[in-house]
All heavy atoms as atom14 arrays in JSON, in Angstrom:
{
  "sequence": "PPAAQGFAVHWDSHDVIVVQCEGRKHWRLY",
  "atom14_mask": [
    [1, 1, 1, 1, 1, 1, 1, 0, 0, 0, 0, 0, 0, 0],
    [1, 1, 1, 1, 1, 1, 1, 0, 0, 0, 0, 0, 0, 0],
    [1, 1, 1, 1, 1, 0, 0, 0, 0, 0, 0, 0, 0, 0],
    [1, 1, 1, 1, 1, 0, 0, 0, 0, 0, 0, 0, 0, 0],
    [1, 1, 1, 1, 1, 1, 1, 1, 1, 0, 0, 0, 0, 0],
    [1, 1, 1, 1, 0, 0, 0, 0, 0, 0, 0, 0, 0, 0],
    [1, 1, 1, 1, 1, 1, 1, 1, 1, 1, 1, 0, 0, 0],
    [1, 1, 1, 1, 1, 0, 0, 0, 0, 0, 0, 0, 0, 0],
    [1, 1, 1, 1, 1, 1, 1, 0, 0, 0, 0, 0, 0, 0],
    [1, 1, 1, 1, 1, 1, 1, 1, 1, 1, 0, 0, 0, 0],
    [1, 1, 1, 1, 1, 1, 1, 1, 1, 1, 1, 1, 1, 1],
    [1, 1, 1, 1, 1, 1, 1, 1, 0, 0, 0, 0, 0, 0],
    [1, 1, 1, 1, 1, 1, 0, 0, 0, 0, 0, 0, 0, 0],
    [1, 1, 1, 1, 1, 1, 1, 1, 1, 1, 0, 0, 0, 0],
    [1, 1, 1, 1, 1, 1, 1, 1, 0, 0, 0, 0, 0, 0],
    [1, 1, 1, 1, 1, 1, 1, 0, 0, 0, 0, 0, 0, 0],
    [1, 1, 1, 1, 1, 1, 1, 1, 0, 0, 0, 0, 0, 0],
    [1, 1, 1, 1, 1, 1, 1, 0, 0, 0, 0, 0, 0, 0],
    [1, 1, 1, 1, 1, 1, 1, 0, 0, 0, 0, 0, 0, 0],
    [1, 1, 1, 1, 1, 1, 1, 1, 1, 0, 0, 0, 0, 0],
    [1, 1, 1, 1, 1, 1, 0, 0, 0, 0, 0, 0, 0, 0],
    [1, 1, 1, 1, 1, 1, 1, 1, 1, 0, 0, 0, 0, 0],
    [1, 1, 1, 1, 0, 0, 0, 0, 0, 0, 0, 0, 0, 0],
    [1, 1, 1, 1, 1, 1, 1, 1, 1, 1, 1, 0, 0, 0],
    [1, 1, 1, 1, 1, 1, 1, 1, 1, 0, 0, 0, 0, 0],
    [1, 1, 1, 1, 1, 1, 1, 1, 1, 1, 0, 0, 0, 0],
    [1, 1, 1, 1, 1, 1, 1, 1, 1, 1, 1, 1, 1, 1],
    [1, 1, 1, 1, 1, 1, 1, 1, 1, 1, 1, 0, 0, 0],
    [1, 1, 1, 1, 1, 1, 1, 1, 0, 0, 0, 0, 0, 0],
    [1, 1, 1, 1, 1, 1, 1, 1, 1, 1, 1, 1, 0, 0]
  ],
  "atom14_positions": [
    [[-10.26, 10.94, -13.34], [-11.62, 11.29, -14.09], [-11.88, 12.77, -14.01], [-11.22, 13.54, -13.26], [-12.66, 10.43, -13.28], [-11.91, 9.46, -12.44], [-10.64, 10.09, -12.19], [0.0, 0.0, 0.0], [0.0, 0.0, 0.0], [0.0, 0.0, 0.0], [0.0, 0.0, 0.0], [0.0, 0.0, 0.0], [0.0, 0.0, 0.0], [0.0, 0.0, 0.0]],
    [[-12.71, 13.22, -14.88], [-13.1, 14.63, -14.89], [-13.44, 15.2, -13.62], [-14.18, 14.58, -12.82], [-14.24, 14.73, -15.91], [-14.02, 13.47, -16.78], [-13.46, 12.48, -15.92], [0.0, 0.0, 0.0], [0.0, 0.0, 0.0], [0.0, 0.0, 0.0], [0.0, 0.0, 0.0], [0.0, 0.0, 0.0], [0.0, 0.0, 0.0], [0.0, 0.0, 0.0]],
    [[-12.84, 16.36, -13.15], [-13.18, 17.07, -12.01], [-12.93, 16.32, -10.67], [-13.42, 16.68, -9.61], [-14.75, 17.53, -12.02], [0.0, 0.0, 0.0], [0.0, 0.0, 0.0], [0.0, 0.0, 0.0], [0.0, 0.0, 0.0], [0.0, 0.0, 0.0], [0.0, 0.0, 0.0], [0.0, 0.0, 0.0], [0.0, 0.0, 0.0], [0.0, 0.0, 0.0]],
    [[-12.22, 15.27, -10.74], [-11.92, 14.43, -9.58], [-10.53, 14.77, -8.97], [-9.68, 15.41, -9.65], [-12.07, 12.95, -9.88], [0.0, 0.0, 0.0], [0.0, 0.0, 0.0], [0.0, 0.0, 0.0], [0.0, 0.0, 0.0], [0.0, 0.0, 0.0], [0.0, 0.0, 0.0], [0.0, 0.0, 0.0], [0.0, 0.0, 0.0], [0.0, 0.0, 0.0]],
    [[-10.29, 14.25, -7.78], [-9.02, 14.51, -7.04], [-8.65, 13.17, -6.35], [-9.39, 12.54, -5.62], [-9.16, 15.6, -5.99], [-7.95, 15.86, -5.21], [-8.12, 17.05, -4.23], [-9.24, 17.47, -3.96], [-7.06, 17.47, -3.71], [0.0, 0.0, 0.0], [0.0, 0.0, 0.0], [0.0, 0.0, 0.0], [0.0, 0.0, 0.0], [0.0, 0.0, 0.0]],
    [[-7.38, 12.72, -6.69], [-6.88, 11.5, -6.07], [-6.45, 11.67, -4.68], [-6.75, 10.82, -3.79], [0.0, 0.0, 0.0], [0.0, 0.0, 0.0], [0.0, 0.0, 0.0], [0.0, 0.0, 0.0], [0.0, 0.0, 0.0], [0.0, 0.0, 0.0], [0.0, 0.0, 0.0], [0.0, 0.0, 0.0], [0.0, 0.0, 0.0], [0.0, 0.0, 0.0]],
    [[-5.61, 12.56, -4.44], [-4.99, 12.83, -3.05], [-5.34, 14.19, -2.53], [-5.33, 15.2, -3.24], [-3.54, 12.68, -3.16], [-2.98, 11.26, -3.46], [-2.65, 10.98, -4.81], [-2.89, 10.31, -2.53], [-2.13, 9.66, -5.18], [-2.44, 9.03, -2.81], [-2.07, 8.71, -4.12], [0.0, 0.0, 0.0], [0.0, 0.0, 0.0], [0.0, 0.0, 0.0]],
    [[-5.56, 14.26, -1.24], [-5.69, 15.56, -0.58], [-4.33, 16.16, -0.44], [-3.3, 15.6, -0.92], [-6.32, 15.3, 0.85], [0.0, 0.0, 0.0], [0.0, 0.0, 0.0], [0.0, 0.0, 0.0], [0.0, 0.0, 0.0], [0.0, 0.0, 0.0], [0.0, 0.0, 0.0], [0.0, 0.0, 0.0], [0.0, 0.0, 0.0], [0.0, 0.0, 0.0]],
    [[-4.21, 17.28, 0.23], [-2.95, 18.05, 0.28], [-1.91, 17.24, 1.04], [-2.23, 16.57, 2.02], [-3.15, 19.36, 1.04], [-1.89, 20.11, 1.2], [-4.25, 20.21, 0.44], [0.0, 0.0, 0.0], [0.0, 0.0, 0.0], [0.0, 0.0, 0.0], [0.0, 0.0, 0.0], [0.0, 0.0, 0.0], [0.0, 0.0, 0.0], [0.0, 0.0, 0.0]],
    [[-0.7, 17.17, 0.48], [0.42, 16.34, 1.08], [1.75, 16.85, 0.51], [1.78, 17.73, -0.31], [0.18, 14.9, 0.62], [0.35, 14.56, -0.84], [-0.56, 14.92, -1.71], [1.38, 14.06, -1.51], [-0.15, 14.58, -2.94], [1.07, 14.01, -2.83], [0.0, 0.0, 0.0], [0.0, 0.0, 0.0], [0.0, 0.0, 0.0], [0.0, 0.0, 0.0]],
    [[2.8, 16.2, 1.1], [4.15, 16.49, 0.6], [4.8, 15.1, 0.21], [4.36, 14.14, 0.82], [5.05, 17.35, 1.46], [5.08, 16.9, 2.93], [4.39, 17.35, 3.92], [5.92, 15.9, 3.41], [4.73, 16.64, 5.13], [5.66, 15.76, 4.84], [6.94, 15.07, 2.89], [6.38, 14.91, 5.65], [7.66, 14.16, 3.75], [7.38, 14.11, 5.02]],
    [[5.79, 15.11, -0.64], [6.53, 14.0, -0.92], [7.97, 13.97, -0.34], [8.56, 15.09, -0.14], [6.62, 13.77, -2.44], [5.23, 13.59, -3.06], [4.47, 12.7, -2.62], [4.93, 14.36, -4.07], [0.0, 0.0, 0.0], [0.0, 0.0, 0.0], [0.0, 0.0, 0.0], [0.0, 0.0, 0.0], [0.0, 0.0, 0.0], [0.0, 0.0, 0.0]],
    [[8.52, 12.72, -0.12], [9.89, 12.74, 0.48], [10.95, 12.64, -0.63], [12.16, 12.45, -0.32], [10.04, 11.58, 1.42], [9.77, 10.33, 0.78], [0.0, 0.0, 0.0], [0.0, 0.0, 0.0], [0.0, 0.0, 0.0], [0.0, 0.0, 0.0], [0.0, 0.0, 0.0], [0.0, 0.0, 0.0], [0.0, 0.0, 0.0], [0.0, 0.0, 0.0]],
    [[10.5, 12.9, -1.9], [11.56, 12.91, -3.0], [11.08, 14.0, -3.97], [9.84, 14.34, -4.06], [11.61, 11.54, -3.68], [10.3, 10.98, -4.19], [9.47, 10.31, -3.44], [9.58, 11.12, -5.47], [8.33, 9.91, -4.01], [8.46, 10.48, -5.22], [0.0, 0.0, 0.0], [0.0, 0.0, 0.0], [0.0, 0.0, 0.0], [0.0, 0.0, 0.0]],
    [[11.98, 14.57, -4.71], [11.69, 15.57, -5.7], [10.94, 14.92, -6.91], [11.19, 13.74, -7.25], [13.02, 16.23, -6.24], [13.81, 16.89, -5.12], [14.5, 16.24, -4.4], [13.59, 18.11, -4.96], [0.0, 0.0, 0.0], [0.0, 0.0, 0.0], [0.0, 0.0, 0.0], [0.0, 0.0, 0.0], [0.0, 0.0, 0.0], [0.0, 0.0, 0.0]],
    [[10.04, 15.65, -7.55], [9.28, 15.12, -8.65], [9.18, 16.12, -9.81], [9.23, 17.36, -9.57], [7.89, 14.67, -8.26], [7.91, 13.66, -7.18], [7.08, 15.88, -7.85], [0.0, 0.0, 0.0], [0.0, 0.0, 0.0], [0.0, 0.0, 0.0], [0.0, 0.0, 0.0], [0.0, 0.0, 0.0], [0.0, 0.0, 0.0], [0.0, 0.0, 0.0]],
    [[9.16, 15.59, -10.97], [8.77, 16.48, -12.19], [7.54, 15.73, -12.76], [7.59, 14.56, -13.17], [9.82, 16.53, -13.19], [11.07, 17.29, -12.65], [9.37, 17.29, -14.47], [12.18, 17.53, -13.61], [0.0, 0.0, 0.0], [0.0, 0.0, 0.0], [0.0, 0.0, 0.0], [0.0, 0.0, 0.0], [0.0, 0.0, 0.0], [0.0, 0.0, 0.0]],
    [[6.4, 16.48, -12.75], [5.18, 15.99, -13.23], [5.02, 16.32, -14.75], [5.26, 17.46, -15.06], [3.95, 16.64, -12.47], [2.67, 16.2, -13.04], [4.06, 16.34, -10.98], [0.0, 0.0, 0.0], [0.0, 0.0, 0.0], [0.0, 0.0, 0.0], [0.0, 0.0, 0.0], [0.0, 0.0, 0.0], [0.0, 0.0, 0.0], [0.0, 0.0, 0.0]],
    [[4.86, 15.27, -15.52], [4.77, 15.43, -16.94], [3.26, 15.24, -17.36], [2.77, 14.08, -17.25], [5.63, 14.5, -17.7], [5.5, 14.76, -19.24], [7.12, 14.72, -17.29], [0.0, 0.0, 0.0], [0.0, 0.0, 0.0], [0.0, 0.0, 0.0], [0.0, 0.0, 0.0], [0.0, 0.0, 0.0], [0.0, 0.0, 0.0], [0.0, 0.0, 0.0]],
    [[2.55, 16.27, -17.82], [1.2, 16.2, -18.19], [1.06, 15.5, -19.57], [1.57, 16.08, -20.62], [0.48, 17.51, -18.19], [-1.03, 17.46, -18.33], [-1.67, 16.91, -17.11], [-1.26, 16.9, -15.97], [-2.91, 16.36, -17.36], [0.0, 0.0, 0.0], [0.0, 0.0, 0.0], [0.0, 0.0, 0.0], [0.0, 0.0, 0.0], [0.0, 0.0, 0.0]],
    [[0.4, 14.29, -19.66], [0.36, 13.56, -20.88], [-1.05, 13.59, -21.62], [-1.13, 13.3, -22.78], [0.74, 12.07, -20.57], [2.37, 11.83, -19.9], [0.0, 0.0, 0.0], [0.0, 0.0, 0.0], [0.0, 0.0, 0.0], [0.0, 0.0, 0.0], [0.0, 0.0, 0.0], [0.0, 0.0, 0.0], [0.0, 0.0, 0.0], [0.0, 0.0, 0.0]],
    [[-2.07, 13.81, -20.79], [-3.43, 13.84, -21.38], [-4.26, 14.88, -20.53], [-4.23, 14.84, -19.35], [-3.97, 12.5, -21.4], [-5.41, 12.34, -21.93], [-5.45, 12.25, -23.4], [-4.43, 11.85, -24.02], [-6.47, 12.62, -24.01], [0.0, 0.0, 0.0], [0.0, 0.0, 0.0], [0.0, 0.0, 0.0], [0.0, 0.0, 0.0], [0.0, 0.0, 0.0]],
    [[-4.99, 15.7, -21.26], [-5.96, 16.58, -20.53], [-5.24, 17.74, -19.75], [-4.07, 18.02, -20.11], [0.0, 0.0, 0.0], [0.0, 0.0, 0.0], [0.0, 0.0, 0.0], [0.0, 0.0, 0.0], [0.0, 0.0, 0.0], [0.0, 0.0, 0.0], [0.0, 0.0, 0.0], [0.0, 0.0, 0.0], [0.0, 0.0, 0.0], [0.0, 0.0, 0.0]],
    [[-5.87, 18.07, -18.69], [-5.4, 19.33, -17.93], [-5.53, 18.96, -16.47], [-6.4, 18.21, -16.05], [-6.16, 20.52, -18.32], [-6.24, 20.86, -19.84], [-7.31, 21.85, -20.14], [-6.99, 23.17, -19.67], [-7.84, 24.01, -19.04], [-9.03, 23.51, -18.7], [-7.42, 25.15, -18.67], [0.0, 0.0, 0.0], [0.0, 0.0, 0.0], [0.0, 0.0, 0.0]],
    [[-4.7, 19.61, -15.67], [-4.77, 19.41, -14.2], [-4.5, 20.78, -13.52], [-3.52, 21.47, -13.79], [-3.79, 18.41, -13.73], [-4.22, 17.72, -12.36], [-3.8, 16.29, -12.36], [-4.63, 15.49, -11.36], [-4.27, 14.08, -11.28], [0.0, 0.0, 0.0], [0.0, 0.0, 0.0], [0.0, 0.0, 0.0], [0.0, 0.0, 0.0], [0.0, 0.0, 0.0]],
    [[-5.37, 21.04, -12.48], [-5.22, 22.27, -11.73], [-4.46, 22.0, -10.46], [-4.9, 21.14, -9.64], [-6.61, 22.77, -11.39], [-6.67, 24.06, -10.53], [-7.77, 24.46, -9.81], [-5.67, 24.94, -10.32], [-7.44, 25.56, -9.1], [-6.23, 25.89, -9.47], [0.0, 0.0, 0.0], [0.0, 0.0, 0.0], [0.0, 0.0, 0.0], [0.0, 0.0, 0.0]],
    [[-3.26, 22.63, -10.36], [-2.37, 22.37, -9.21], [-2.36, 23.52, -8.26], [-2.44, 24.78, -8.65], [-0.86, 22.17, -9.7], [-0.69, 20.87, -10.39], [-1.06, 20.46, -11.56], [-0.11, 19.69, -9.78], [-0.75, 19.14, -11.79], [-0.11, 18.67, -10.7], [0.44, 19.43, -8.48], [0.33, 17.35, -10.45], [0.91, 18.17, -8.2], [0.88, 17.14, -9.19]],
    [[-2.27, 23.25, -6.94], [-2.13, 24.28, -5.9], [-0.93, 23.86, -5.05], [-0.75, 22.79, -4.6], [-3.38, 24.28, -5.06], [-4.7, 24.75, -5.79], [-5.87, 24.76, -4.94], [-6.33, 23.4, -4.57], [-7.48, 23.08, -4.08], [-8.46, 24.02, -4.0], [-7.77, 21.9, -3.7], [0.0, 0.0, 0.0], [0.0, 0.0, 0.0], [0.0, 0.0, 0.0]],
    [[-0.08, 24.91, -4.81], [1.12, 24.79, -3.97], [0.91, 25.63, -2.74], [0.34, 26.74, -2.85], [2.32, 25.23, -4.7], [2.6, 24.55, -6.12], [3.77, 25.14, -6.8], [2.7, 23.03, -5.91], [0.0, 0.0, 0.0], [0.0, 0.0, 0.0], [0.0, 0.0, 0.0], [0.0, 0.0, 0.0], [0.0, 0.0, 0.0], [0.0, 0.0, 0.0]],
    [[1.21, 25.07, -1.58], [0.91, 25.75, -0.32], [2.2, 26.26, 0.39], [3.26, 25.86, 0.18], [0.23, 24.76, 0.58], [-1.11, 24.44, 0.07], [-1.22, 23.3, -0.89], [-2.34, 24.98, 0.49], [-2.44, 22.95, -1.41], [-3.59, 24.56, -0.03], [-3.67, 23.52, -1.02], [-4.84, 23.17, -1.43], [0.0, 0.0, 0.0], [0.0, 0.0, 0.0]]
  ]
}
């Protein structure tokens, strides 16, 4: 939903390619 966040900071055990399909998302890398 607008201005919401699903997950807090984390890492994944597999590589990912994120494909933005609708709207916009603000990403932060640490």
